[in-house]
Amino acid sequence: MMSKLNDQVPLRHHNTDGKMALAIGGEYVHANVSLMTVASELISWNCDAFSDESEAVAFIRNCLENYDRALHNTAADDRAYPALKAEISSFISNLLSGKKIG
């Protein structure tokens, strides 16, 4: 799931069509992905770890919160796009607040 997001995140600063190589919850456009889109994708995998949507959402929220902490405690590579950390932080914030990634 997150690897699908990762295929787009490093390219957001480039002029692309914004589409990911694989759909998440049926959505190919990175900017349109929401927490519920990710939850829908996770549930579609039919794994026994999540009995309902609320468990999937709680799991994803926990992952995002951990990603955010890691992001703020990790230095970006000098070769990285200068605003990459800020953009990823914005994506995480949007998802956690119920918005689309944007």
C-alpha atoms as a PDB file:
ATOM      1  CA  MET A   1       0.000   0.000   0.000  1.00  0.00           C
ATOM      2  CA  MET A   2       2.524   2.613   1.045  1.00  0.00           C
ATOM      3  CA  SER A   3       4.862   1.533  -1.740  1.00  0.00           C
ATOM      4  CA  LYS A   4       2.129   2.591  -4.154  1.00  0.00           C
ATOM      5  CA  LEU A   5       2.175   6.039  -2.572  1.00  0.00           C
ATOM      6  CA  ASN A   6       5.942   6.058  -2.614  1.00  0.00           C
ATOM      7  CA  ASP A   7       6.037   5.687  -6.402  1.00  0.00           C
ATOM      8  CA  GLN A   8       4.472   9.153  -6.685  1.00  0.00           C
ATOM      9  CA  VAL A   9       5.671  11.133  -3.666  1.00  0.00           C
ATOM     10  CA  PRO A  10       9.267  11.698  -4.872  1.00  0.00           C
ATOM     11  CA  LEU A  11       7.941  12.983  -8.204  1.00  0.00           C
ATOM     12  CA  ARG A  12       5.335  15.479  -6.955  1.00  0.00           C
ATOM     13  CA  HIS A  13       7.618  18.451  -7.631  1.00  0.00           C
ATOM     14  CA  HIS A  14       7.956  17.446 -11.299  1.00  0.00           C
ATOM     15  CA  ASN A  15       5.434  18.321 -13.978  1.00  0.00           C
ATOM     16  CA  THR A  16       3.654  14.957 -14.325  1.00  0.00           C
ATOM     17  CA  ASP A  17       0.039  13.902 -14.768  1.00  0.00           C
ATOM     18  CA  GLY A  18      -0.056  13.057 -11.025  1.00  0.00           C
ATOM     19  CA  LYS A  19      -1.054   9.468 -11.648  1.00  0.00           C
ATOM     20  CA  MET A  20       0.489   6.598  -9.750  1.00  0.00           C
ATOM     21  CA  ALA A  21       1.541   3.348 -11.408  1.00  0.00           C
ATOM     22  CA  LEU A  22      -0.990   1.403  -9.313  1.00  0.00           C
ATOM     23  CA  ALA A  23      -4.388   2.423  -7.968  1.00  0.00           C
ATOM     24  CA  ILE A  24      -5.070   2.764  -4.251  1.00  0.00           C
ATOM     25  CA  GLY A  25      -8.684   1.988  -3.436  1.00  0.00           C
ATOM     26  CA  GLY A  26      -9.446   2.459  -7.118  1.00  0.00           C
ATOM     27  CA  GLU A  27      -7.778   5.891  -7.243  1.00  0.00           C
ATOM     28  CA  TYR A  28      -4.843   6.525  -9.576  1.00  0.00           C
ATOM     29  CA  VAL A  29      -4.437  10.273  -8.966  1.00  0.00           C
ATOM     30  CA  HIS A  30      -2.116  10.895  -6.023  1.00  0.00           C
ATOM     31  CA  ALA A  31      -3.771  14.191  -5.078  1.00  0.00           C
ATOM     32  CA  ASN A  32      -7.156  12.454  -4.672  1.00  0.00           C
ATOM     33  CA  VAL A  33      -6.003   9.818  -2.186  1.00  0.00           C
ATOM     34  CA  SER A  34      -7.551  10.133   1.268  1.00  0.00           C
ATOM     35  CA  LEU A  35      -7.319   8.166   4.494  1.00  0.00           C
ATOM     36  CA  MET A  36     -10.518   6.370   3.510  1.00  0.00           C
ATOM     37  CA  THR A  37      -9.083   5.546   0.072  1.00  0.00           C
ATOM     38  CA  VAL A  38      -6.098   3.906   1.757  1.00  0.00           C
ATOM     39  CA  ALA A  39      -8.405   2.107   4.223  1.00  0.00           C
ATOM     40  CA  SER A  40     -10.514   0.832   1.332  1.00  0.00           C
ATOM     41  CA  GLU A  41      -7.399  -0.552  -0.337  1.00  0.00           C
ATOM     42  CA  LEU A  42      -6.218  -2.205   2.857  1.00  0.00           C
ATOM     43  CA  ILE A  43      -9.593  -3.821   3.500  1.00  0.00           C
ATOM     44  CA  SER A  44      -9.727  -5.083  -0.099  1.00  0.00           C
ATOM     45  CA  TRP A  45      -6.700  -7.263   0.656  1.00  0.00           C
ATOM     46  CA  ASN A  46      -8.960  -9.451   2.849  1.00  0.00           C
ATOM     47  CA  CYS A  47      -6.314  -9.978   5.496  1.00  0.00           C
ATOM     48  CA  ASP A  48      -7.471 -11.193   8.894  1.00  0.00           C
ATOM     49  CA  ALA A  49      -5.827  -8.299  10.757  1.00  0.00           C
ATOM     50  CA  PHE A  50      -8.767  -5.933  10.255  1.00  0.00           C
ATOM     51  CA  SER A  51     -12.320  -6.952  11.034  1.00  0.00           C
ATOM     52  CA  ASP A  52     -13.762  -3.619   9.928  1.00  0.00           C
ATOM     53  CA  GLU A  53     -12.994  -0.186   8.503  1.00  0.00           C
ATOM     54  CA  SER A  54     -12.392   1.406  11.911  1.00  0.00           C
ATOM     55  CA  GLU A  55      -9.545  -1.032  12.665  1.00  0.00           C
ATOM     56  CA  ALA A  56      -7.966  -0.334   9.273  1.00  0.00           C
ATOM     57  CA  VAL A  57      -8.265   3.426   9.808  1.00  0.00           C
ATOM     58  CA  ALA A  58      -6.710   3.160  13.293  1.00  0.00           C
ATOM     59  CA  PHE A  59      -3.810   1.133  11.866  1.00  0.00           C
ATOM     60  CA  ILE A  60      -3.220   3.649   9.058  1.00  0.00           C
ATOM     61  CA  ARG A  61      -3.410   6.609  11.448  1.00  0.00           C
ATOM     62  CA  ASN A  62      -0.813   4.952  13.680  1.00  0.00           C
ATOM     63  CA  CYS A  63       1.460   4.362  10.674  1.00  0.00           C
ATOM     64  CA  LEU A  64       1.087   7.969   9.524  1.00  0.00           C
ATOM     65  CA  GLU A  65       1.843   9.317  12.992  1.00  0.00           C
ATOM     66  CA  ASN A  66       4.977   7.165  13.132  1.00  0.00           C
ATOM     67  CA  TYR A  67       6.005   8.300   9.634  1.00  0.00           C
ATOM     68  CA  ASP A  68       5.546  11.912  10.724  1.00  0.00           C
ATOM     69  CA  ARG A  69       7.735  11.431  13.805  1.00  0.00           C
ATOM     70  CA  ALA A  70      10.401   9.711  11.712  1.00  0.00           C
ATOM     71  CA  LEU A  71      10.230  12.454   9.109  1.00  0.00           C
ATOM     72  CA  HIS A  72      10.848  15.156  11.700  1.00  0.00           C
ATOM     73  CA  ASN A  73      13.720  13.214  13.266  1.00  0.00           C
ATOM     74  CA  THR A  74      15.525  12.407  10.021  1.00  0.00           C
ATOM     75  CA  ALA A  75      17.714  14.647   7.923  1.00  0.00           C
ATOM     76  CA  ALA A  76      17.003  14.740   4.210  1.00  0.00           C
ATOM     77  CA  ASP A  77      19.731  13.691   1.840  1.00  0.00           C
ATOM     78  CA  ASP A  78      21.569  16.728   0.461  1.00  0.00           C
ATOM     79  CA  ARG A  79      20.628  15.627  -3.072  1.00  0.00           C
ATOM     80  CA  ALA A  80      16.893  15.516  -2.310  1.00  0.00           C
ATOM     81  CA  TYR A  81      14.405  18.046  -3.602  1.00  0.00           C
ATOM     82  CA  PRO A  82      14.656  20.876  -1.015  1.00  0.00           C
ATOM     83  CA  ALA A  83      10.940  20.918  -0.152  1.00  0.00           C
ATOM     84  CA  LEU A  84      10.461  17.137  -0.113  1.00  0.00           C
ATOM     85  CA  LYS A  85      10.200  16.828   3.675  1.00  0.00           C
ATOM     86  CA  ALA A  86       7.735  19.722   3.839  1.00  0.00           C
ATOM     87  CA  GLU A  87       5.603  18.185   1.093  1.00  0.00           C
ATOM     88  CA  ILE A  88       5.544  14.778   2.750  1.00  0.00           C
ATOM     89  CA  SER A  89       4.674  16.423   6.071  1.00  0.00           C
ATOM     90  CA  SER A  90       1.815  18.226   4.343  1.00  0.00           C
ATOM     91  CA  PHE A  91       0.564  14.960   2.817  1.00  0.00           C
ATOM     92  CA  ILE A  92       0.580  13.283   6.226  1.00  0.00           C
ATOM     93  CA  SER A  93      -1.156  16.244   7.864  1.00  0.00           C
ATOM     94  CA  ASN A  94      -3.835  16.291   5.181  1.00  0.00           C
ATOM     95  CA  LEU A  95      -4.510  12.556   5.531  1.00  0.00           C
ATOM     96  CA  LEU A  96      -4.680  12.726   9.329  1.00  0.00           C
ATOM     97  CA  SER A  97      -7.123  15.644   9.184  1.00  0.00           C
ATOM     98  CA  GLY A  98      -9.456  13.775   6.827  1.00  0.00           C
ATOM     99  CA  LYS A  99      -8.499  15.684   3.687  1.00  0.00           C
ATOM    100  CA  LYS A 100      -7.202  14.365   0.406  1.00  0.00           C
ATOM    101  CA  ILE A 101      -3.413  14.284   0.104  1.00  0.00           C
ATOM    102  CA  GLY A 102      -3.595  17.265  -2.225  1.00  0.00           C
END
